[in-house]
C-alpha atoms as a PDB file:
ATOM      1  CA  MET A   1      71.282 115.904  79.524  1.00  0.00           C
ATOM      2  CA  ASP A   2      72.757 117.959  82.467  1.00  0.00           C
ATOM      3  CA  ILE A   3      76.244 117.071  83.490  1.00  0.00           C
ATOM      4  CA  GLY A   4      77.960 118.464  86.550  1.00  0.00           C
ATOM      5  CA  PHE A   5      81.686 118.679  87.277  1.00  0.00           C
ATOM      6  CA  HIS A   6      84.487 120.997  88.333  1.00  0.00           C
ATOM      7  CA  ASN A   7      86.250 122.931  85.539  1.00  0.00           C
ATOM      8  CA  TYR A   8      89.295 120.715  85.265  1.00  0.00           C
ATOM      9  CA  GLU A   9      91.619 121.029  82.338  1.00  0.00           C
ATOM     10  CA  HIS A  10      90.839 117.333  81.370  1.00  0.00           C
ATOM     11  CA  VAL A  11      87.131 118.115  80.917  1.00  0.00           C
ATOM     12  CA  ARG A  12      87.468 121.352  78.946  1.00  0.00           C
ATOM     13  CA  ALA A  13      87.304 119.667  75.632  1.00  0.00           C
ATOM     14  CA  LEU A  14      83.768 118.553  76.555  1.00  0.00           C
ATOM     15  CA  ILE A  15      82.734 122.012  77.819  1.00  0.00           C
ATOM     16  CA  ASP A  16      83.669 123.577  74.522  1.00  0.00           C
ATOM     17  CA  PHE A  17      82.249 120.718  72.518  1.00  0.00           C
ATOM     18  CA  THR A  18      85.666 119.752  70.932  1.00  0.00           C
ATOM     19  CA  VAL A  19      84.535 116.312  72.162  1.00  0.00           C
ATOM     20  CA  VAL A  20      80.823 115.337  72.099  1.00  0.00           C
ATOM     21  CA  ILE A  21      79.168 112.463  73.816  1.00  0.00           C
ATOM     22  CA  ASP A  22      77.535 110.384  71.087  1.00  0.00           C
ATOM     23  CA  GLY A  23      73.705 110.573  71.301  1.00  0.00           C
ATOM     24  CA  VAL A  24      73.663 113.151  74.017  1.00  0.00           C
ATOM     25  CA  ASP A  25      72.575 116.802  73.931  1.00  0.00           C
ATOM     26  CA  ALA A  26      74.730 117.856  76.893  1.00  0.00           C
ATOM     27  CA  THR A  27      74.486 120.949  79.132  1.00  0.00           C
ATOM     28  CA  PHE A  28      77.454 121.281  81.465  1.00  0.00           C
ATOM     29  CA  HIS A  29      77.367 122.782  84.839  1.00  0.00           C
ATOM     30  CA  THR A  30      80.173 123.704  87.360  1.00  0.00           C
ATOM     31  CA  GLU A  31      80.683 125.396  90.669  1.00  0.00           C
ATOM     32  CA  ARG A  32      83.508 127.186  92.303  1.00  0.00           C
ATOM     33  CA  ILE A  33      83.409 124.693  95.172  1.00  0.00           C
ATOM     34  CA  VAL A  34      83.239 121.160  93.975  1.00  0.00           C
ATOM     35  CA  SER A  35      81.267 119.894  96.919  1.00  0.00           C
ATOM     36  CA  ASP A  36      78.418 121.930  95.745  1.00  0.00           C
ATOM     37  CA  ILE A  37      78.156 119.858  92.699  1.00  0.00           C
ATOM     38  CA  PHE A  38      78.075 116.773  95.082  1.00  0.00           C
ATOM     39  CA  GLU A  39      75.320 118.154  97.077  1.00  0.00           C
ATOM     40  CA  ARG A  40      73.201 119.148  94.069  1.00  0.00           C
ATOM     41  CA  MET A  41      73.523 115.565  92.654  1.00  0.00           C
ATOM     42  CA  VAL A  42      72.922 113.668  95.989  1.00  0.00           C
ATOM     43  CA  ARG A  43      70.207 115.897  97.422  1.00  0.00           C
ATOM     44  CA  HIS A  44      68.285 116.697  94.258  1.00  0.00           C
ATOM     45  CA  ARG A  45      69.454 114.161  91.534  1.00  0.00           C
ATOM     46  CA  GLU A  46      70.002 117.442  89.535  1.00  0.00           C
ATOM     47  CA  PHE A  47      72.298 115.936  86.876  1.00  0.00           C
ATOM     48  CA  GLY A  48      72.187 112.750  84.647  1.00  0.00           C
ATOM     49  CA  VAL A  49      75.798 112.408  85.038  1.00  0.00           C
ATOM     50  CA  SER A  50      77.994 114.036  87.762  1.00  0.00           C
ATOM     51  CA  GLU A  51      81.335 114.141  89.436  1.00  0.00           C
ATOM     52  CA  LEU A  52      81.096 112.779  92.948  1.00  0.00           C
ATOM     53  CA  GLY A  53      83.629 112.284  95.707  1.00  0.00           C
ATOM     54  CA  LEU A  54      84.298 108.535  95.980  1.00  0.00           C
ATOM     55  CA  THR A  55      83.288 108.359  99.634  1.00  0.00           C
ATOM     56  CA  PHE A  56      80.138 110.356  98.982  1.00  0.00           C
ATOM     57  CA  TYR A  57      79.249 107.871  96.213  1.00  0.00           C
ATOM     58  CA  LEU A  58      80.008 104.807  98.319  1.00  0.00           C
ATOM     59  CA  ARG A  59      77.733 106.142 101.065  1.00  0.00           C
ATOM     60  CA  THR A  60      74.883 106.280  98.537  1.00  0.00           C
ATOM     61  CA  LEU A  61      75.180 102.588  98.054  1.00  0.00           C
ATOM     62  CA  ASP A  62      73.721 102.178 101.553  1.00  0.00           C
ATOM     63  CA  PHE A  63      70.570 104.039 100.658  1.00  0.00           C
ATOM     64  CA  GLU A  64      67.399 101.975 100.409  1.00  0.00           C
ATOM     65  CA  ASP A  65      67.401 102.418  96.566  1.00  0.00           C
ATOM     66  CA  PRO A  66      70.894 103.405  95.494  1.00  0.00           C
ATOM     67  CA  PRO A  67      70.376 106.119  92.842  1.00  0.00           C
ATOM     68  CA  PHE A  68      73.847 106.082  91.091  1.00  0.00           C
ATOM     69  CA  ILE A  69      76.389 103.705  89.584  1.00  0.00           C
ATOM     70  CA  ALA A  70      79.892 104.849  88.987  1.00  0.00           C
ATOM     71  CA  LEU A  71      81.956 105.037  85.692  1.00  0.00           C
ATOM     72  CA  PRO A  72      85.751 104.394  86.098  1.00  0.00           C
ATOM     73  CA  ILE A  73      86.594 108.021  85.461  1.00  0.00           C
ATOM     74  CA  PHE A  74      88.718 109.711  87.999  1.00  0.00           C
ATOM     75  CA  LEU A  75      88.565 113.492  87.775  1.00  0.00           C
ATOM     76  CA  ALA A  76      90.445 114.244  90.940  1.00  0.00           C
ATOM     77  CA  ARG A  77      93.402 112.321  92.527  1.00  0.00           C
ATOM     78  CA  GLN A  78      96.042 113.439  94.782  1.00  0.00           C
ATOM     79  CA  PHE A  79      98.510 111.980  97.226  1.00  0.00           C
ATOM     80  CA  ARG A  80      97.560 112.907 100.767  1.00  0.00           C
ATOM     81  CA  HIS A  81     100.674 112.713 102.923  1.00  0.00           C
ATOM     82  CA  SER A  82     100.675 116.433 102.183  1.00  0.00           C
ATOM     83  CA  ALA A  83      97.185 116.827 103.641  1.00  0.00           C
ATOM     84  CA  ILE A  84      98.172 116.311 107.261  1.00  0.00           C
ATOM     85  CA  PHE A  85      98.989 119.439 109.258  1.00  0.00           C
ATOM     86  CA  VAL A  86     100.177 119.653 112.826  1.00  0.00           C
ATOM     87  CA  ASN A  87     100.512 122.219 115.539  1.00  0.00           C
ATOM     88  CA  THR A  88     104.255 122.717 116.346  1.00  0.00           C
ATOM     89  CA  SER A  89     103.619 122.705 120.080  1.00  0.00           C
ATOM     90  CA  SER A  90     101.608 119.488 120.059  1.00  0.00           C
ATOM     91  CA  GLY A  91     104.599 117.163 120.328  1.00  0.00           C
ATOM     92  CA  ILE A  92     103.854 115.522 117.072  1.00  0.00           C
ATOM     93  CA  GLU A  93     107.134 114.642 115.274  1.00  0.00           C
ATOM     94  CA  SER A  94     106.219 111.351 113.640  1.00  0.00           C
ATOM     95  CA  PRO A  95     103.047 109.751 112.431  1.00  0.00           C
ATOM     96  CA  GLN A  96     103.005 107.487 115.559  1.00  0.00           C
ATOM     97  CA  ASP A  97     102.774 110.702 117.667  1.00  0.00           C
ATOM     98  CA  LEU A  98      99.181 111.198 116.453  1.00  0.00           C
ATOM     99  CA  THR A  99      98.175 108.477 118.845  1.00  0.00           C
ATOM    100  CA  GLY A 100      95.949 110.019 121.618  1.00  0.00           C
ATOM    101  CA  LYS A 101      95.816 113.408 119.846  1.00  0.00           C
ATOM    102  CA  THR A 102      92.816 115.619 118.727  1.00  0.00           C
ATOM    103  CA  ILE A 103      92.649 115.822 114.939  1.00  0.00           C
ATOM    104  CA  GLY A 104      90.405 118.047 112.919  1.00  0.00           C
ATOM    105  CA  GLU A 105      88.809 116.860 109.656  1.00  0.00           C
ATOM    106  CA  PHE A 106      87.322 118.948 107.094  1.00  0.00           C
ATOM    107  CA  ALA A 107      83.516 118.728 106.461  1.00  0.00           C
ATOM    108  CA  THR A 108      82.796 115.118 107.374  1.00  0.00           C
ATOM    109  CA  TYR A 109      84.398 112.155 109.120  1.00  0.00           C
ATOM    110  CA  GLY A 110      85.846 110.362 106.183  1.00  0.00           C
ATOM    111  CA  HIS A 111      85.982 112.919 103.506  1.00  0.00           C
ATOM    112  CA  ASP A 112      87.951 111.583 100.432  1.00  0.00           C
ATOM    113  CA  ALA A 113      91.340 113.077 101.626  1.00  0.00           C
ATOM    114  CA  GLY A 114      90.674 111.808 105.155  1.00  0.00           C
ATOM    115  CA  VAL A 115      89.906 108.140 103.936  1.00  0.00           C
ATOM    116  CA  ASN A 116      93.204 108.152 102.167  1.00  0.00           C
ATOM    117  CA  ALA A 117      95.255 109.727 104.798  1.00  0.00           C
ATOM    118  CA  LYS A 118      93.831 107.519 107.480  1.00  0.00           C
ATOM    119  CA  GLY A 119      94.362 104.412 105.304  1.00  0.00           C
ATOM    120  CA  MET A 120      97.990 105.257 104.758  1.00  0.00           C
ATOM    121  CA  LEU A 121      98.564 106.033 108.482  1.00  0.00           C
ATOM    122  CA  SER A 122      97.070 102.761 109.432  1.00  0.00           C
ATOM    123  CA  ASP A 123      98.823 100.594 106.823  1.00  0.00           C
ATOM    124  CA  ASP A 124     102.264 102.213 107.200  1.00  0.00           C
ATOM    125  CA  PHE A 125     102.423 103.310 110.766  1.00  0.00           C
ATOM    126  CA  GLY A 126      99.749 101.435 112.729  1.00  0.00           C
ATOM    127  CA  VAL A 127      97.819 104.582 113.597  1.00  0.00           C
ATOM    128  CA  THR A 128      94.145 103.751 113.427  1.00  0.00           C
ATOM    129  CA  PRO A 129      91.207 106.251 113.821  1.00  0.00           C
ATOM    130  CA  ASP A 130      90.012 104.761 117.199  1.00  0.00           C
ATOM    131  CA  GLN A 131      93.378 105.854 118.705  1.00  0.00           C
ATOM    132  CA  CYS A 132      92.617 109.497 118.071  1.00  0.00           C
ATOM    133  CA  ARG A 133      89.843 112.097 118.828  1.00  0.00           C
ATOM    134  CA  TRP A 134      88.195 113.680 115.822  1.00  0.00           C
ATOM    135  CA  VAL A 135      86.676 117.164 115.436  1.00  0.00           C
ATOM    136  CA  ILE A 136      84.755 117.941 112.127  1.00  0.00           C
ATOM    137  CA  GLY A 137      84.200 121.461 110.751  1.00  0.00           C
ATOM    138  CA  GLY A 138      85.177 124.036 108.167  1.00  0.00           C
ATOM    139  CA  PHE A 139      88.804 124.639 107.376  1.00  0.00           C
ATOM    140  CA  ASP A 140      88.970 128.434 107.537  1.00  0.00           C
ATOM    141  CA  CYS A 141      85.396 129.464 108.121  1.00  0.00           C
ATOM    142  CA  PRO A 142      82.791 127.867 110.491  1.00  0.00           C
ATOM    143  CA  MET A 143      80.498 125.437 108.756  1.00  0.00           C
ATOM    144  CA  THR A 144      78.167 122.566 109.734  1.00  0.00           C
ATOM    145  CA  PRO A 145      79.210 119.110 108.464  1.00  0.00           C
ATOM    146  CA  PHE A 146      77.755 118.040 105.198  1.00  0.00           C
ATOM    147  CA  ASP A 147      74.293 116.669 105.801  1.00  0.00           C
ATOM    148  CA  PHE A 148      73.448 115.346 102.380  1.00  0.00           C
ATOM    149  CA  VAL A 149      75.172 112.035 103.151  1.00  0.00           C
ATOM    150  CA  PRO A 150      75.093 109.996 106.282  1.00  0.00           C
ATOM    151  CA  GLN A 151      77.556 111.206 108.990  1.00  0.00           C
ATOM    152  CA  SER A 152      78.415 107.798 110.175  1.00  0.00           C
ATOM    153  CA  HIS A 153      81.387 106.581 112.216  1.00  0.00           C
ATOM    154  CA  PRO A 154      82.128 103.498 114.260  1.00  0.00           C
ATOM    155  CA  ASP A 155      81.037 103.491 117.878  1.00  0.00           C
ATOM    156  CA  ASN A 156      84.621 103.060 119.059  1.00  0.00           C
ATOM    157  CA  VAL A 157      85.753 106.242 117.300  1.00  0.00           C
ATOM    158  CA  GLU A 158      85.120 109.588 119.152  1.00  0.00           C
ATOM    159  CA  VAL A 159      83.881 112.242 116.746  1.00  0.00           C
ATOM    160  CA  THR A 160      82.537 115.708 117.689  1.00  0.00           C
ATOM    161  CA  ARG A 161      81.672 118.958 115.783  1.00  0.00           C
ATOM    162  CA  ALA A 162      83.749 122.055 116.078  1.00  0.00           C
ATOM    163  CA  PRO A 163      82.381 124.474 118.546  1.00  0.00           C
ATOM    164  CA  ASP A 164      79.949 127.053 117.196  1.00  0.00           C
ATOM    165  CA  GLY A 165      81.798 129.990 115.514  1.00  0.00           C
ATOM    166  CA  LYS A 166      85.114 127.980 115.253  1.00  0.00           C
ATOM    167  CA  ALA A 167      86.952 126.685 112.258  1.00  0.00           C
ATOM    168  CA  LEU A 168      89.597 124.013 112.171  1.00  0.00           C
ATOM    169  CA  GLY A 169      92.412 126.133 110.596  1.00  0.00           C
ATOM    170  CA  PRO A 170      92.353 128.777 113.156  1.00  0.00           C
ATOM    171  CA  MET A 171      91.979 126.106 115.866  1.00  0.00           C
ATOM    172  CA  LEU A 172      95.069 124.495 114.696  1.00  0.00           C
ATOM    173  CA  ASP A 173      96.995 127.727 114.648  1.00  0.00           C
ATOM    174  CA  ALA A 174      95.820 128.425 118.238  1.00  0.00           C
ATOM    175  CA  GLY A 175      96.737 124.849 119.472  1.00  0.00           C
ATOM    176  CA  GLU A 176      93.101 124.059 120.127  1.00  0.00           C
ATOM    177  CA  ILE A 177      93.532 120.842 118.036  1.00  0.00           C
ATOM    178  CA  ASP A 178      96.700 118.937 117.602  1.00  0.00           C
ATOM    179  CA  ALA A 179      96.502 118.093 113.908  1.00  0.00           C
ATOM    180  CA  PHE A 180      94.279 118.644 110.926  1.00  0.00           C
ATOM    181  CA  ILE A 181      93.445 116.538 107.880  1.00  0.00           C
ATOM    182  CA  SER A 182      92.090 118.552 104.984  1.00  0.00           C
ATOM    183  CA  ALA A 183      91.672 118.336 101.248  1.00  0.00           C
ATOM    184  CA  ASP A 184      92.017 122.125 101.359  1.00  0.00           C
ATOM    185  CA  VAL A 185      95.049 124.034 102.700  1.00  0.00           C
ATOM    186  CA  PRO A 186      94.330 126.243 105.630  1.00  0.00           C
ATOM    187  CA  GLN A 187      95.173 129.907 105.608  1.00  0.00           C
ATOM    188  CA  CYS A 188      97.588 129.557 108.567  1.00  0.00           C
ATOM    189  CA  VAL A 189      99.674 127.239 106.378  1.00  0.00           C
ATOM    190  CA  LEU A 190      99.564 129.609 103.443  1.00  0.00           C
ATOM    191  CA  ASP A 191     100.671 132.364 105.722  1.00  0.00           C
ATOM    192  CA  ASP A 192     103.593 130.406 106.983  1.00  0.00           C
ATOM    193  CA  SER A 193     102.469 130.554 110.636  1.00  0.00           C
ATOM    194  CA  PRO A 194     105.158 129.337 112.955  1.00  0.00           C
ATOM    195  CA  ASN A 195     102.492 127.459 114.886  1.00  0.00           C
ATOM    196  CA  VAL A 196     101.783 124.884 112.096  1.00  0.00           C
ATOM    197  CA  ALA A 197     103.809 122.556 110.016  1.00  0.00           C
ATOM    198  CA  GLN A 198     103.161 119.548 107.758  1.00  0.00           C
ATOM    199  CA  LEU A 199     103.516 116.064 109.266  1.00  0.00           C
ATOM    200  CA  PHE A 200     105.716 114.996 106.328  1.00  0.00           C
ATOM    201  CA  PRO A 201     107.791 118.182 105.493  1.00  0.00           C
ATOM    202  CA  ASP A 202     109.485 116.353 102.558  1.00  0.00           C
ATOM    203  CA  PHE A 203     106.118 115.137 101.316  1.00  0.00           C
ATOM    204  CA  ARG A 204     107.036 115.037  97.669  1.00  0.00           C
ATOM    205  CA  ALA A 205     109.714 112.467  98.243  1.00  0.00           C
ATOM    206  CA  VAL A 206     107.586 110.497 100.694  1.00  0.00           C
ATOM    207  CA  GLU A 207     104.654 110.437  98.338  1.00  0.00           C
ATOM    208  CA  ARG A 208     106.755 109.248  95.447  1.00  0.00           C
ATOM    209  CA  ASP A 209     108.318 106.538  97.522  1.00  0.00           C
ATOM    210  CA  TYR A 210     104.795 105.549  98.591  1.00  0.00           C
ATOM    211  CA  TYR A 211     103.689 105.071  94.948  1.00  0.00           C
ATOM    212  CA  VAL A 212     106.811 103.101  94.184  1.00  0.00           C
ATOM    213  CA  ARG A 213     106.103 100.794  97.200  1.00  0.00           C
ATOM    214  CA  THR A 214     102.410 100.355  96.967  1.00  0.00           C
ATOM    215  CA  GLY A 215     101.298 101.207  93.368  1.00  0.00           C
ATOM    216  CA  ILE A 216      98.634 103.404  94.854  1.00  0.00           C
ATOM    217  CA  PHE A 217      97.871 106.850  93.268  1.00  0.00           C
ATOM    218  CA  PRO A 218      95.019 107.899  95.558  1.00  0.00           C
ATOM    219  CA  ILE A 219      91.766 108.615  94.005  1.00  0.00           C
ATOM    220  CA  MET A 220      89.431 111.322  95.306  1.00  0.00           C
ATOM    221  CA  HIS A 221      86.572 111.828  92.865  1.00  0.00           C
ATOM    222  CA  THR A 222      84.783 109.561  90.327  1.00  0.00           C
ATOM    223  CA  VAL A 223      81.933 110.125  87.936  1.00  0.00           C
ATOM    224  CA  VAL A 224      78.480 108.722  88.453  1.00  0.00           C
ATOM    225  CA  ILE A 225      75.438 108.145  86.268  1.00  0.00           C
ATOM    226  CA  ARG A 226      71.797 107.987  87.424  1.00  0.00           C
ATOM    227  CA  ARG A 227      70.782 104.288  87.379  1.00  0.00           C
ATOM    228  CA  ASP A 228      67.354 105.136  85.861  1.00  0.00           C
ATOM    229  CA  LEU A 229      69.068 106.813  82.908  1.00  0.00           C
ATOM    230  CA  ALA A 230      71.592 103.997  82.405  1.00  0.00           C
ATOM    231  CA  ALA A 231      68.842 101.436  82.392  1.00  0.00           C
ATOM    232  CA  ALA A 232      66.677 103.374  80.028  1.00  0.00           C
ATOM    233  CA  HIS A 233      69.402 104.156  77.526  1.00  0.00           C
ATOM    234  CA  PRO A 234      71.687 101.051  76.782  1.00  0.00           C
ATOM    235  CA  GLY A 235      75.166 102.128  75.720  1.00  0.00           C
ATOM    236  CA  LEU A 236      74.817 105.640  77.359  1.00  0.00           C
ATOM    237  CA  ALA A 237      77.343 104.872  80.077  1.00  0.00           C
ATOM    238  CA  GLU A 238      79.881 103.600  77.576  1.00  0.00           C
ATOM    239  CA  ASN A 239      79.473 106.752  75.404  1.00  0.00           C
ATOM    240  CA  VAL A 240      80.032 108.952  78.402  1.00  0.00           C
ATOM    241  CA  TYR A 241      83.067 107.020  79.330  1.00  0.00           C
ATOM    242  CA  ARG A 242      84.641 107.190  75.812  1.00  0.00           C
ATOM    243  CA  ALA A 243      83.978 110.985  75.607  1.00  0.00           C
ATOM    244  CA  PHE A 244      85.668 111.583  78.938  1.00  0.00           C
ATOM    245  CA  CYS A 245      88.615 109.510  77.907  1.00  0.00           C
ATOM    246  CA  GLU A 246      88.924 111.393  74.600  1.00  0.00           C
ATOM    247  CA  ALA A 247      88.855 114.783  76.507  1.00  0.00           C
ATOM    248  CA  LYS A 248      91.561 113.723  78.742  1.00  0.00           C
ATOM    249  CA  GLU A 249      93.750 112.406  75.914  1.00  0.00           C
ATOM    250  CA  ILE A 250      93.659 115.795  74.251  1.00  0.00           C
ATOM    251  CA  VAL A 251      95.220 117.384  77.288  1.00  0.00           C
ATOM    252  CA  MET A 252      97.713 114.483  77.756  1.00  0.00           C
ATOM    253  CA  GLN A 253      98.886 115.102  74.147  1.00  0.00           C
ATOM    254  CA  GLU A 254      99.229 118.853  74.811  1.00  0.00           C
ATOM    255  CA  TYR A 255     101.654 118.043  77.577  1.00  0.00           C
ATOM    256  CA  ARG A 256     103.599 115.710  75.352  1.00  0.00           C
ATOM    257  CA  THR A 257     103.780 118.268  72.564  1.00  0.00           C
ATOM    258  CA  GLY A 258     104.425 121.060  74.989  1.00  0.00           C
ATOM    259  CA  ARG A 259     107.614 119.303  76.177  1.00  0.00           C
ATOM    260  CA  ILE A 260     109.151 120.112  72.719  1.00  0.00           C
ATOM    261  CA  PHE A 261     108.880 123.745  73.571  1.00  0.00           C
ATOM    262  CA  ASN A 262     109.678 123.447  77.309  1.00  0.00           C
ATOM    263  CA  HIS A 263     105.973 124.122  78.052  1.00  0.00           C
ATOM    264  CA  ILE A 264     106.338 127.730  77.259  1.00  0.00           C
ATOM    265  CA  ASP A 265     102.575 128.341  77.523  1.00  0.00           C
ATOM    266  CA  VAL A 266     102.584 127.470  81.220  1.00  0.00           C
ATOM    267  CA  MET A 267     103.454 130.047  83.843  1.00  0.00           C
ATOM    268  CA  MET A 268     105.374 127.661  86.126  1.00  0.00           C
ATOM    269  CA  PRO A 269     109.261 127.563  86.324  1.00  0.00           C
ATOM    270  CA  TRP A 270     110.746 124.080  85.916  1.00  0.00           C
ATOM    271  CA  ILE A 271     107.492 122.482  84.913  1.00  0.00           C
ATOM    272  CA  SER A 272     109.181 120.483  82.139  1.00  0.00           C
ATOM    273  CA  GLY A 273     111.467 118.971  84.680  1.00  0.00           C
ATOM    274  CA  LEU A 274     108.476 117.906  86.827  1.00  0.00           C
ATOM    275  CA  TYR A 275     106.828 116.574  83.664  1.00  0.00           C
ATOM    276  CA  ASP A 276     109.949 114.431  82.915  1.00  0.00           C
ATOM    277  CA  ASP A 277     110.067 113.242  86.520  1.00  0.00           C
ATOM    278  CA  ASN A 278     106.371 112.197  86.572  1.00  0.00           C
ATOM    279  CA  ARG A 279     106.666 110.495  83.259  1.00  0.00           C
ATOM    280  CA  ARG A 280     109.498 108.483  84.524  1.00  0.00           C
ATOM    281  CA  LEU A 281     107.556 107.465  87.596  1.00  0.00           C
ATOM    282  CA  PHE A 282     104.045 106.829  86.213  1.00  0.00           C
ATOM    283  CA  GLY A 283     104.711 106.178  82.462  1.00  0.00           C
ATOM    284  CA  ASP A 284     103.145 107.822  79.508  1.00  0.00           C
ATOM    285  CA  ASP A 285      99.632 107.783  81.002  1.00  0.00           C
ATOM    286  CA  TRP A 286     100.018 109.215  84.435  1.00  0.00           C
ATOM    287  CA  TRP A 287      96.306 109.880  84.949  1.00  0.00           C
ATOM    288  CA  PRO A 288      94.543 106.700  83.682  1.00  0.00           C
ATOM    289  CA  TYR A 289      90.950 105.932  83.624  1.00  0.00           C
ATOM    290  CA  GLY A 290      89.481 102.413  83.556  1.00  0.00           C
ATOM    291  CA  VAL A 291      89.412  99.715  86.162  1.00  0.00           C
ATOM    292  CA  ALA A 292      92.602  97.688  85.231  1.00  0.00           C
ATOM    293  CA  ALA A 293      95.028 100.465  85.518  1.00  0.00           C
ATOM    294  CA  ASN A 294      93.417 101.670  88.823  1.00  0.00           C
ATOM    295  CA  ARG A 295      92.400  98.465  90.510  1.00  0.00           C
ATOM    296  CA  VAL A 296      95.186  98.651  93.156  1.00  0.00           C
ATOM    297  CA  SER A 297      94.273 102.250  94.191  1.00  0.00           C
ATOM    298  CA  ILE A 298      90.497 101.542  94.007  1.00  0.00           C
ATOM    299  CA  ASP A 299      90.774  98.391  96.145  1.00  0.00           C
ATOM    300  CA  ALA A 300      92.847 100.141  98.755  1.00  0.00           C
ATOM    301  CA  PHE A 301      90.105 102.877  99.016  1.00  0.00           C
ATOM    302  CA  LEU A 302      87.407 100.387  99.273  1.00  0.00           C
ATOM    303  CA  ARG A 303      89.300  98.442 101.922  1.00  0.00           C
ATOM    304  CA  TRP A 304      90.030 101.578 103.946  1.00  0.00           C
ATOM    305  CA  HIS A 305      86.326 102.693 103.645  1.00  0.00           C
ATOM    306  CA  TYR A 306      85.261  99.446 105.163  1.00  0.00           C
ATOM    307  CA  GLU A 307      87.991  99.264 107.880  1.00  0.00           C
ATOM    308  CA  GLN A 308      87.115 102.865 108.836  1.00  0.00           C
ATOM    309  CA  GLY A 309      83.418 101.907 109.430  1.00  0.00           C
ATOM    310  CA  LEU A 310      82.036 103.841 106.409  1.00  0.00           C
ATOM    311  CA  SER A 311      80.797 100.819 104.316  1.00  0.00           C
ATOM    312  CA  ARG A 312      78.613  98.171 105.617  1.00  0.00           C
ATOM    313  CA  ARG A 313      80.468  95.532 103.738  1.00  0.00           C
ATOM    314  CA  ARG A 314      83.834  95.223 101.876  1.00  0.00           C
ATOM    315  CA  LEU A 315      82.991  96.344  98.352  1.00  0.00           C
ATOM    316  CA  THR A 316      84.912  95.409  95.171  1.00  0.00           C
ATOM    317  CA  CYS A 317      85.301  97.097  91.792  1.00  0.00           C
ATOM    318  CA  GLU A 318      82.651  94.819  90.392  1.00  0.00           C
ATOM    319  CA  ASP A 319      80.155  96.221  92.975  1.00  0.00           C
ATOM    320  CA  ILE A 320      80.583  99.860  92.246  1.00  0.00           C
ATOM    321  CA  PHE A 321      81.062 100.363  88.442  1.00  0.00           C
ATOM    322  CA  VAL A 322      78.874 100.030  85.536  1.00  0.00           C
ATOM    323  CA  ARG A 323      78.984  96.261  84.504  1.00  0.00           C
ATOM    324  CA  GLU A 324      79.851  97.085  80.875  1.00  0.00           C
ATOM    325  CA  LEU A 325      82.975  99.067  82.006  1.00  0.00           C
ATOM    326  CA  VAL A 326      84.440  96.689  84.554  1.00  0.00           C
ATOM    327  CA  ASN A 327      86.784  95.242  82.068  1.00  0.00           C
ATOM    328  CA  THR A 328      88.211  98.568  80.884  1.00  0.00           C
END
């Protein structure tokens, strides 16, 4: 069976066959850009099991014959206060100042980082998407929006494409847009351009406080299985889930053991201090799989997806995951 995902540390035990999926002769595929995996899966059904951005998966549920069902495996998750960048001449000094502004968004209206960032802005600051203007495009190089999933948005939200030959990072730097929400960091930010800043300069403290207040650790990507395979092979979904959990646990244990030696094998100063801080905040398993440990975060995303006009109805965990794994 062909399986597609990005080369994360928590899947490498699968790639090198330290962990095997019971009953599966697996061939693993990856891409430098993870969205290429998404496209191969959605457009061509190229894999039996694949990583898929959560919003991309949810949009396939509106297809006439939904092709996938999700497993409660979350390969990518990240707090997204840090994903909001502003032009320093735009007059944006607080989240409420986004009202009436023109905001770029990477690749699609409602990419995973965008759904999370907009949801947080709406919940905590009363800034809703209909109060802003949206421009969709590439972050550093011009690109057309993803066309392998529906590019839907509510009628009351103004959404346009970036002009031909334009990319959103340079447009932010030049003041052609006021703000930018992106899963990827634009080059102007990496270059410390004086024209750009982060909406939340102390985003680490803000994001930690957000988790303490809400219990939400934002989820970006899940894992899906083709429905025809799951139906034809009872127990396959559970076997895949168990193998991904085992592969992740190997890495978790490496972090725990590494603390004894101050994580000497990692080229990052003070990483042991960060490890200690994160363990105090999240507990021993700071990257949980399964529904129970993630229900608050999943329900928040599903609510935002519906509120932002990206789902036809308000979905629940029971709607989107393999039935046999809902109680994990």
